[in-house]
Amino acid sequence: MAYRDFTDEAGNGWRVWDTYPQKPEIVAPGFKQGWLSFESAGEKWRLAPVPEGWAEVEEPRLRELLRTAGRVDGGRSLTRGVEVEPPSSI
């Protein structure tokens, strides 16, 4: 699993990592092959599928990827009753 930190245009710090489901059959369509998880100060966003080479791109490209991601609402989950948490190395 790759993990990156970056700062958006407003100066907010973000964490991003790739997430791959262990049980794709319980994941919403479009996310079965994995997604990027973005997190900052209580906000969570997701982008699927995982863009090739995302872990090596410059910060401006990470900002672009964030802008194309979808915000995660409190009641919305990609899986039925399974919450995705940041990697333990964060």
PDB file of N, CA and C in Angstrom:
ATOM      1  N   MET A   1       0.844  -1.172   0.000  1.00  0.00           N
ATOM      2  CA  MET A   1       0.000   0.000   0.000  1.00  0.00           C
ATOM      3  C   MET A   1       0.891   1.237   0.000  1.00  0.00           C
ATOM      4  N   ALA A   2       0.629   2.124  -0.931  1.00  0.00           N
ATOM      5  CA  ALA A   2       1.355   3.392  -0.998  1.00  0.00           C
ATOM      6  C   ALA A   2       0.625   4.438  -0.157  1.00  0.00           C
ATOM      7  N   TYR A   3       1.375   5.414   0.341  1.00  0.00           N
ATOM      8  CA  TYR A   3       0.837   6.466   1.196  1.00  0.00           C
ATOM      9  C   TYR A   3       1.577   7.760   0.900  1.00  0.00           C
ATOM     10  N   ARG A   4       0.819   8.863   0.820  1.00  0.00           N
ATOM     11  CA  ARG A   4       1.431  10.177   0.553  1.00  0.00           C
ATOM     12  C   ARG A   4       0.769  11.245   1.421  1.00  0.00           C
ATOM     13  N   ASP A   5       1.520  12.297   1.706  1.00  0.00           N
ATOM     14  CA  ASP A   5       1.005  13.521   2.322  1.00  0.00           C
ATOM     15  C   ASP A   5       1.165  14.628   1.298  1.00  0.00           C
ATOM     16  N   PHE A   6       0.203  15.546   1.257  1.00  0.00           N
ATOM     17  CA  PHE A   6       0.331  16.710   0.390  1.00  0.00           C
ATOM     18  C   PHE A   6      -0.533  17.832   0.941  1.00  0.00           C
ATOM     19  N   THR A   7      -0.358  19.030   0.375  1.00  0.00           N
ATOM     20  CA  THR A   7      -1.101  20.214   0.794  1.00  0.00           C
ATOM     21  C   THR A   7      -1.909  20.734  -0.380  1.00  0.00           C
ATOM     22  N   ASP A   8      -3.189  21.053  -0.122  1.00  0.00           N
ATOM     23  CA  ASP A   8      -4.019  21.593  -1.200  1.00  0.00           C
ATOM     24  C   ASP A   8      -3.768  23.093  -1.373  1.00  0.00           C
ATOM     25  N   GLU A   9      -4.458  23.700  -2.337  1.00  0.00           N
ATOM     26  CA  GLU A   9      -4.259  25.117  -2.651  1.00  0.00           C
ATOM     27  C   GLU A   9      -4.595  26.037  -1.486  1.00  0.00           C
ATOM     28  N   ALA A  10      -5.478  25.594  -0.588  1.00  0.00           N
ATOM     29  CA  ALA A  10      -5.874  26.404   0.562  1.00  0.00           C
ATOM     30  C   ALA A  10      -4.940  26.219   1.758  1.00  0.00           C
ATOM     31  N   GLY A  11      -3.926  25.362   1.610  1.00  0.00           N
ATOM     32  CA  GLY A  11      -2.978  25.135   2.689  1.00  0.00           C
ATOM     33  C   GLY A  11      -3.358  24.011   3.639  1.00  0.00           C
ATOM     34  N   ASN A  12      -4.408  23.266   3.309  1.00  0.00           N
ATOM     35  CA  ASN A  12      -4.840  22.148   4.147  1.00  0.00           C
ATOM     36  C   ASN A  12      -3.992  20.910   3.866  1.00  0.00           C
ATOM     37  N   GLY A  13      -3.588  20.230   4.927  1.00  0.00           N
ATOM     38  CA  GLY A  13      -2.828  18.997   4.777  1.00  0.00           C
ATOM     39  C   GLY A  13      -3.747  17.818   4.489  1.00  0.00           C
ATOM     40  N   TRP A  14      -3.328  16.954   3.583  1.00  0.00           N
ATOM     41  CA  TRP A  14      -4.095  15.763   3.193  1.00  0.00           C
ATOM     42  C   TRP A  14      -3.223  14.529   3.268  1.00  0.00           C
ATOM     43  N   ARG A  15      -3.860  13.412   3.554  1.00  0.00           N
ATOM     44  CA  ARG A  15      -3.241  12.094   3.464  1.00  0.00           C
ATOM     45  C   ARG A  15      -3.969  11.353   2.352  1.00  0.00           C
ATOM     46  N   VAL A  16      -3.236  10.595   1.573  1.00  0.00           N
ATOM     47  CA  VAL A  16      -3.856   9.790   0.522  1.00  0.00           C
ATOM     48  C   VAL A  16      -3.162   8.436   0.487  1.00  0.00           C
ATOM     49  N   TRP A  17      -3.950   7.390   0.299  1.00  0.00           N
ATOM     50  CA  TRP A  17      -3.413   6.041   0.198  1.00  0.00           C
ATOM     51  C   TRP A  17      -4.324   5.216  -0.703  1.00  0.00           C
ATOM     52  N   ASP A  18      -3.745   4.164  -1.265  1.00  0.00           N
ATOM     53  CA  ASP A  18      -4.546   3.280  -2.104  1.00  0.00           C
ATOM     54  C   ASP A  18      -5.164   2.189  -1.239  1.00  0.00           C
ATOM     55  N   THR A  19      -6.398   1.857  -1.570  1.00  0.00           N
ATOM     56  CA  THR A  19      -7.166   0.874  -0.821  1.00  0.00           C
ATOM     57  C   THR A  19      -7.656  -0.193  -1.785  1.00  0.00           C
ATOM     58  N   TYR A  20      -7.430  -1.447  -1.427  1.00  0.00           N
ATOM     59  CA  TYR A  20      -7.886  -2.567  -2.253  1.00  0.00           C
ATOM     60  C   TYR A  20      -8.716  -3.497  -1.378  1.00  0.00           C
ATOM     61  N   PRO A  21      -9.952  -3.766  -1.769  1.00  0.00           N
ATOM     62  CA  PRO A  21     -10.827  -4.585  -0.929  1.00  0.00           C
ATOM     63  C   PRO A  21     -10.379  -6.041  -0.873  1.00  0.00           C
ATOM     64  N   GLN A  22     -10.457  -6.624   0.311  1.00  0.00           N
ATOM     65  CA  GLN A  22     -10.166  -8.046   0.461  1.00  0.00           C
ATOM     66  C   GLN A  22     -11.333  -8.887  -0.037  1.00  0.00           C
ATOM     67  N   LYS A  23     -12.531  -8.310   0.014  1.00  0.00           N
ATOM     68  CA  LYS A  23     -13.730  -9.014  -0.447  1.00  0.00           C
ATOM     69  C   LYS A  23     -14.457  -8.129  -1.461  1.00  0.00           C
ATOM     70  N   PRO A  24     -14.017  -8.136  -2.710  1.00  0.00           N
ATOM     71  CA  PRO A  24     -14.631  -7.269  -3.724  1.00  0.00           C
ATOM     72  C   PRO A  24     -16.134  -7.472  -3.880  1.00  0.00           C
ATOM     73  N   GLU A  25     -16.626  -8.651  -3.538  1.00  0.00           N
ATOM     74  CA  GLU A  25     -18.052  -8.928  -3.703  1.00  0.00           C
ATOM     75  C   GLU A  25     -18.938  -8.086  -2.790  1.00  0.00           C
ATOM     76  N   ILE A  26     -18.375  -7.491  -1.734  1.00  0.00           N
ATOM     77  CA  ILE A  26     -19.197  -6.663  -0.848  1.00  0.00           C
ATOM     78  C   ILE A  26     -18.994  -5.168  -1.091  1.00  0.00           C
ATOM     79  N   VAL A  27     -18.215  -4.833  -2.108  1.00  0.00           N
ATOM     80  CA  VAL A  27     -17.895  -3.434  -2.404  1.00  0.00           C
ATOM     81  C   VAL A  27     -18.789  -2.925  -3.527  1.00  0.00           C
ATOM     82  N   ALA A  28     -19.155  -1.661  -3.451  1.00  0.00           N
ATOM     83  CA  ALA A  28     -20.004  -1.044  -4.469  1.00  0.00           C
ATOM     84  C   ALA A  28     -19.364  -1.154  -5.851  1.00  0.00           C
ATOM     85  N   PRO A  29     -20.194  -1.312  -6.880  1.00  0.00           N
ATOM     86  CA  PRO A  29     -19.660  -1.347  -8.250  1.00  0.00           C
ATOM     87  C   PRO A  29     -18.819  -0.097  -8.514  1.00  0.00           C
ATOM     88  N   GLY A  30     -17.764  -0.266  -9.278  1.00  0.00           N
ATOM     89  CA  GLY A  30     -16.870   0.847  -9.568  1.00  0.00           C
ATOM     90  C   GLY A  30     -15.697   0.932  -8.610  1.00  0.00           C
ATOM     91  N   PHE A  31     -15.811   0.273  -7.460  1.00  0.00           N
ATOM     92  CA  PHE A  31     -14.750   0.309  -6.460  1.00  0.00           C
ATOM     93  C   PHE A  31     -14.122  -1.065  -6.231  1.00  0.00           C
ATOM     94  N   LYS A  32     -14.575  -2.060  -6.947  1.00  0.00           N
ATOM     95  CA  LYS A  32     -14.100  -3.431  -6.743  1.00  0.00           C
ATOM     96  C   LYS A  32     -12.612  -3.601  -7.022  1.00  0.00           C
ATOM     97  N   GLN A  33     -12.048  -2.772  -7.909  1.00  0.00           N
ATOM     98  CA  GLN A  33     -10.623  -2.859  -8.241  1.00  0.00           C
ATOM     99  C   GLN A  33      -9.766  -1.927  -7.388  1.00  0.00           C
ATOM    100  N   GLY A  34     -10.377  -1.284  -6.400  1.00  0.00           N
ATOM    101  CA  GLY A  34      -9.641  -0.405  -5.499  1.00  0.00           C
ATOM    102  C   GLY A  34      -9.942   1.064  -5.725  1.00  0.00           C
ATOM    103  N   TRP A  35      -9.467   1.905  -4.799  1.00  0.00           N
ATOM    104  CA  TRP A  35      -9.709   3.338  -4.857  1.00  0.00           C
ATOM    105  C   TRP A  35      -8.626   4.063  -4.069  1.00  0.00           C
ATOM    106  N   LEU A  36      -8.521   5.350  -4.304  1.00  0.00           N
ATOM    107  CA  LEU A  36      -7.671   6.199  -3.476  1.00  0.00           C
ATOM    108  C   LEU A  36      -8.533   6.763  -2.356  1.00  0.00           C
ATOM    109  N   SER A  37      -8.016   6.747  -1.150  1.00  0.00           N
ATOM    110  CA  SER A  37      -8.681   7.338   0.005  1.00  0.00           C
ATOM    111  C   SER A  37      -7.935   8.616   0.361  1.00  0.00           C
ATOM    112  N   PHE A  38      -8.661   9.730   0.401  1.00  0.00           N
ATOM    113  CA  PHE A  38      -8.104  11.029   0.779  1.00  0.00           C
ATOM    114  C   PHE A  38      -8.713  11.410   2.124  1.00  0.00           C
ATOM    115  N   GLU A  39      -7.901  11.958   3.032  1.00  0.00           N
ATOM    116  CA  GLU A  39      -8.415  12.366   4.332  1.00  0.00           C
ATOM    117  C   GLU A  39      -7.728  13.641   4.810  1.00  0.00           C
ATOM    118  N   SER A  40      -8.539  14.567   5.348  1.00  0.00           N
ATOM    119  CA  SER A  40      -8.027  15.814   5.907  1.00  0.00           C
ATOM    120  C   SER A  40      -9.020  16.367   6.914  1.00  0.00           C
ATOM    121  N   ALA A  41      -8.578  16.617   8.127  1.00  0.00           N
ATOM    122  CA  ALA A  41      -9.368  17.304   9.155  1.00  0.00           C
ATOM    123  C   ALA A  41     -10.845  16.927   9.131  1.00  0.00           C
ATOM    124  N   GLY A  42     -11.141  15.663   9.218  1.00  0.00           N
ATOM    125  CA  GLY A  42     -12.523  15.215   9.269  1.00  0.00           C
ATOM    126  C   GLY A  42     -13.192  15.019   7.928  1.00  0.00           C
ATOM    127  N   GLU A  43     -12.545  15.376   6.851  1.00  0.00           N
ATOM    128  CA  GLU A  43     -13.099  15.153   5.515  1.00  0.00           C
ATOM    129  C   GLU A  43     -12.518  13.886   4.923  1.00  0.00           C
ATOM    130  N   LYS A  44     -13.373  13.143   4.214  1.00  0.00           N
ATOM    131  CA  LYS A  44     -12.917  11.943   3.522  1.00  0.00           C
ATOM    132  C   LYS A  44     -13.442  11.981   2.094  1.00  0.00           C
ATOM    133  N   TRP A  45     -12.567  11.656   1.170  1.00  0.00           N
ATOM    134  CA  TRP A  45     -12.914  11.611  -0.240  1.00  0.00           C
ATOM    135  C   TRP A  45     -12.364  10.319  -0.829  1.00  0.00           C
ATOM    136  N   ARG A  46     -13.002   9.828  -1.908  1.00  0.00           N
ATOM    137  CA  ARG A  46     -12.540   8.602  -2.560  1.00  0.00           C
ATOM    138  C   ARG A  46     -12.543   8.780  -4.062  1.00  0.00           C
ATOM    139  N   LEU A  47     -11.577   8.126  -4.701  1.00  0.00           N
ATOM    140  CA  LEU A  47     -11.464   8.172  -6.156  1.00  0.00           C
ATOM    141  C   LEU A  47     -11.208   6.764  -6.682  1.00  0.00           C
ATOM    142  N   ALA A  48     -12.051   6.326  -7.595  1.00  0.00           N
ATOM    143  CA  ALA A  48     -11.878   5.008  -8.218  1.00  0.00           C
ATOM    144  C   ALA A  48     -11.965   5.163  -9.723  1.00  0.00           C
ATOM    145  N   PRO A  49     -11.204   4.346 -10.421  1.00  0.00           N
ATOM    146  CA  PRO A  49     -10.228   3.385  -9.918  1.00  0.00           C
ATOM    147  C   PRO A  49      -8.936   4.088  -9.511  1.00  0.00           C
ATOM    148  N   VAL A  50      -8.018   3.326  -8.948  1.00  0.00           N
ATOM    149  CA  VAL A  50      -6.715   3.870  -8.552  1.00  0.00           C
ATOM    150  C   VAL A  50      -5.950   4.247  -9.814  1.00  0.00           C
ATOM    151  N   PRO A  51      -5.585   5.521  -9.977  1.00  0.00           N
ATOM    152  CA  PRO A  51      -4.828   5.933 -11.162  1.00  0.00           C
ATOM    153  C   PRO A  51      -3.429   5.305 -11.179  1.00  0.00           C
ATOM    154  N   GLU A  52      -3.037   4.805 -12.311  1.00  0.00           N
ATOM    155  CA  GLU A  52      -1.719   4.191 -12.446  1.00  0.00           C
ATOM    156  C   GLU A  52      -0.626   5.221 -12.156  1.00  0.00           C
ATOM    157  N   GLY A  53       0.342   4.839 -11.355  1.00  0.00           N
ATOM    158  CA  GLY A  53       1.480   5.697 -11.054  1.00  0.00           C
ATOM    159  C   GLY A  53       1.198   6.840 -10.096  1.00  0.00           C
ATOM    160  N   TRP A  54       0.051   6.846  -9.451  1.00  0.00           N
ATOM    161  CA  TRP A  54      -0.334   7.974  -8.600  1.00  0.00           C
ATOM    162  C   TRP A  54       0.686   8.226  -7.476  1.00  0.00           C
ATOM    163  N   ALA A  55       1.324   7.185  -6.972  1.00  0.00           N
ATOM    164  CA  ALA A  55       2.234   7.330  -5.829  1.00  0.00           C
ATOM    165  C   ALA A  55       3.512   8.092  -6.176  1.00  0.00           C
ATOM    166  N   GLU A  56       3.800   8.235  -7.470  1.00  0.00           N
ATOM    167  CA  GLU A  56       5.024   8.920  -7.892  1.00  0.00           C
ATOM    168  C   GLU A  56       4.775  10.309  -8.470  1.00  0.00           C
ATOM    169  N   VAL A  57       3.533  10.743  -8.555  1.00  0.00           N
ATOM    170  CA  VAL A  57       3.245  12.026  -9.198  1.00  0.00           C
ATOM    171  C   VAL A  57       3.599  13.194  -8.277  1.00  0.00           C
ATOM    172  N   GLU A  58       3.745  14.366  -8.866  1.00  0.00           N
ATOM    173  CA  GLU A  58       4.021  15.590  -8.112  1.00  0.00           C
ATOM    174  C   GLU A  58       2.746  16.060  -7.401  1.00  0.00           C
ATOM    175  N   GLU A  59       2.910  16.929  -6.400  1.00  0.00           N
ATOM    176  CA  GLU A  59       1.767  17.425  -5.633  1.00  0.00           C
ATOM    177  C   GLU A  59       0.672  18.064  -6.480  1.00  0.00           C
ATOM    178  N   PRO A  60       0.984  18.844  -7.516  1.00  0.00           N
ATOM    179  CA  PRO A  60      -0.109  19.413  -8.315  1.00  0.00           C
ATOM    180  C   PRO A  60      -1.037  18.333  -8.892  1.00  0.00           C
ATOM    181  N   ARG A  61      -0.478  17.198  -9.277  1.00  0.00           N
ATOM    182  CA  ARG A  61      -1.316  16.107  -9.801  1.00  0.00           C
ATOM    183  C   ARG A  61      -2.156  15.487  -8.684  1.00  0.00           C
ATOM    184  N   LEU A  62      -1.618  15.382  -7.471  1.00  0.00           N
ATOM    185  CA  LEU A  62      -2.420  14.880  -6.351  1.00  0.00           C
ATOM    186  C   LEU A  62      -3.601  15.808  -6.082  1.00  0.00           C
ATOM    187  N   ARG A  63      -3.372  17.111  -6.208  1.00  0.00           N
ATOM    188  CA  ARG A  63      -4.471  18.070  -6.026  1.00  0.00           C
ATOM    189  C   ARG A  63      -5.547  17.873  -7.094  1.00  0.00           C
ATOM    190  N   GLU A  64      -5.124  17.619  -8.323  1.00  0.00           N
ATOM    191  CA  GLU A  64      -6.084  17.353  -9.404  1.00  0.00           C
ATOM    192  C   GLU A  64      -6.894  16.096  -9.106  1.00  0.00           C
ATOM    193  N   LEU A  65      -6.223  15.067  -8.644  1.00  0.00           N
ATOM    194  CA  LEU A  65      -6.927  13.824  -8.318  1.00  0.00           C
ATOM    195  C   LEU A  65      -7.943  14.055  -7.206  1.00  0.00           C
ATOM    196  N   LEU A  66      -7.573  14.840  -6.201  1.00  0.00           N
ATOM    197  CA  LEU A  66      -8.502  15.163  -5.119  1.00  0.00           C
ATOM    198  C   LEU A  66      -9.736  15.871  -5.666  1.00  0.00           C
ATOM    199  N   ARG A  67      -9.539  16.806  -6.594  1.00  0.00           N
ATOM    200  CA  ARG A  67     -10.675  17.540  -7.163  1.00  0.00           C
ATOM    201  C   ARG A  67     -11.627  16.625  -7.932  1.00  0.00           C
ATOM    202  N   THR A  68     -11.141  15.500  -8.430  1.00  0.00           N
ATOM    203  CA  THR A  68     -12.014  14.580  -9.169  1.00  0.00           C
ATOM    204  C   THR A  68     -12.623  13.507  -8.274  1.00  0.00           C
ATOM    205  N   ALA A  69     -12.194  13.454  -7.014  1.00  0.00           N
ATOM    206  CA  ALA A  69     -12.706  12.449  -6.080  1.00  0.00           C
ATOM    207  C   ALA A  69     -14.101  12.825  -5.595  1.00  0.00           C
ATOM    208  N   GLY A  70     -14.788  11.859  -5.030  1.00  0.00           N
ATOM    209  CA  GLY A  70     -16.112  12.087  -4.455  1.00  0.00           C
ATOM    210  C   GLY A  70     -16.032  12.138  -2.943  1.00  0.00           C
ATOM    211  N   ARG A  71     -16.746  13.100  -2.368  1.00  0.00           N
ATOM    212  CA  ARG A  71     -16.755  13.238  -0.909  1.00  0.00           C
ATOM    213  C   ARG A  71     -17.545  12.096  -0.285  1.00  0.00           C
ATOM    214  N   VAL A  72     -17.050  11.614   0.846  1.00  0.00           N
ATOM    215  CA  VAL A  72     -17.714  10.538   1.568  1.00  0.00           C
ATOM    216  C   VAL A  72     -18.627  11.166   2.604  1.00  0.00           C
ATOM    217  N   ASP A  73     -19.918  10.902   2.477  1.00  0.00           N
ATOM    218  CA  ASP A  73     -20.892  11.380   3.453  1.00  0.00           C
ATOM    219  C   ASP A  73     -20.883  10.457   4.663  1.00  0.00           C
ATOM    220  N   GLY A  74     -21.353  10.961   5.791  1.00  0.00           N
ATOM    221  CA  GLY A  74     -21.401  10.144   7.000  1.00  0.00           C
ATOM    222  C   GLY A  74     -22.202   8.869   6.845  1.00  0.00           C
ATOM    223  N   GLY A  75     -23.254   8.888   6.046  1.00  0.00           N
ATOM    224  CA  GLY A  75     -24.098   7.711   5.890  1.00  0.00           C
ATOM    225  C   GLY A  75     -23.750   6.841   4.710  1.00  0.00           C
ATOM    226  N   ARG A  76     -22.779   7.258   3.911  1.00  0.00           N
ATOM    227  CA  ARG A  76     -22.436   6.502   2.710  1.00  0.00           C
ATOM    228  C   ARG A  76     -21.230   5.613   2.959  1.00  0.00           C
ATOM    229  N   SER A  77     -21.305   4.390   2.500  1.00  0.00           N
ATOM    230  CA  SER A  77     -20.197   3.459   2.647  1.00  0.00           C
ATOM    231  C   SER A  77     -20.019   2.696   1.353  1.00  0.00           C
ATOM    232  N   LEU A  78     -18.778   2.375   1.027  1.00  0.00           N
ATOM    233  CA  LEU A  78     -18.505   1.573  -0.165  1.00  0.00           C
ATOM    234  C   LEU A  78     -18.833   0.118   0.060  1.00  0.00           C
ATOM    235  N   THR A  79     -18.829  -0.266   1.319  1.00  0.00           N
ATOM    236  CA  THR A  79     -19.087  -1.651   1.658  1.00  0.00           C
ATOM    237  C   THR A  79     -20.289  -1.715   2.574  1.00  0.00           C
ATOM    238  N   ARG A  80     -20.887  -2.849   2.618  1.00  0.00           N
ATOM    239  CA  ARG A  80     -22.064  -3.030   3.463  1.00  0.00           C
ATOM    240  C   ARG A  80     -21.637  -3.226   4.909  1.00  0.00           C
ATOM    241  N   GLY A  81     -21.599  -2.141   5.671  1.00  0.00           N
ATOM    242  CA  GLY A  81     -21.277  -2.223   7.085  1.00  0.00           C
ATOM    243  C   GLY A  81     -19.795  -2.295   7.423  1.00  0.00           C
ATOM    244  N   VAL A  82     -18.922  -2.101   6.439  1.00  0.00           N
ATOM    245  CA  VAL A  82     -17.483  -2.162   6.694  1.00  0.00           C
ATOM    246  C   VAL A  82     -16.892  -0.790   6.430  1.00  0.00           C
ATOM    247  N   GLU A  83     -16.314  -0.171   7.445  1.00  0.00           N
ATOM    248  CA  GLU A  83     -15.703   1.149   7.286  1.00  0.00           C
ATOM    249  C   GLU A  83     -14.235   0.981   6.926  1.00  0.00           C
ATOM    250  N   VAL A  84     -13.766   1.790   6.013  1.00  0.00           N
ATOM    251  CA  VAL A  84     -12.369   1.751   5.589  1.00  0.00           C
ATOM    252  C   VAL A  84     -11.580   2.725   6.447  1.00  0.00           C
ATOM    253  N   GLU A  85     -10.545   2.246   7.091  1.00  0.00           N
ATOM    254  CA  GLU A  85      -9.721   3.070   7.966  1.00  0.00           C
ATOM    255  C   GLU A  85      -8.373   3.345   7.313  1.00  0.00           C
ATOM    256  N   PRO A  86      -7.705   4.434   7.700  1.00  0.00           N
ATOM    257  CA  PRO A  86      -6.364   4.706   7.184  1.00  0.00           C
ATOM    258  C   PRO A  86      -5.413   3.591   7.579  1.00  0.00           C
ATOM    259  N   PRO A  87      -4.342   3.414   6.830  1.00  0.00           N
ATOM    260  CA  PRO A  87      -3.366   2.393   7.198  1.00  0.00           C
ATOM    261  C   PRO A  87      -2.764   2.685   8.565  1.00  0.00           C
ATOM    262  N   SER A  88      -2.375   1.653   9.276  1.00  0.00           N
ATOM    263  CA  SER A  88      -1.874   1.813  10.641  1.00  0.00           C
ATOM    264  C   SER A  88      -0.555   2.573  10.713  1.00  0.00           C
ATOM    265  N   SER A  89       0.135   2.726   9.592  1.00  0.00           N
ATOM    266  CA  SER A  89       1.416   3.433   9.592  1.00  0.00           C
ATOM    267  C   SER A  89       1.263   4.942   9.587  1.00  0.00           C
ATOM    268  N   ILE A  90       0.046   5.430   9.568  1.00  0.00           N
ATOM    269  CA  ILE A  90      -0.179   6.878   9.524  1.00  0.00           C
ATOM    270  C   ILE A  90      -0.015   7.459  10.912  1.00  0.00           C
TER     271      ILE A  90
END
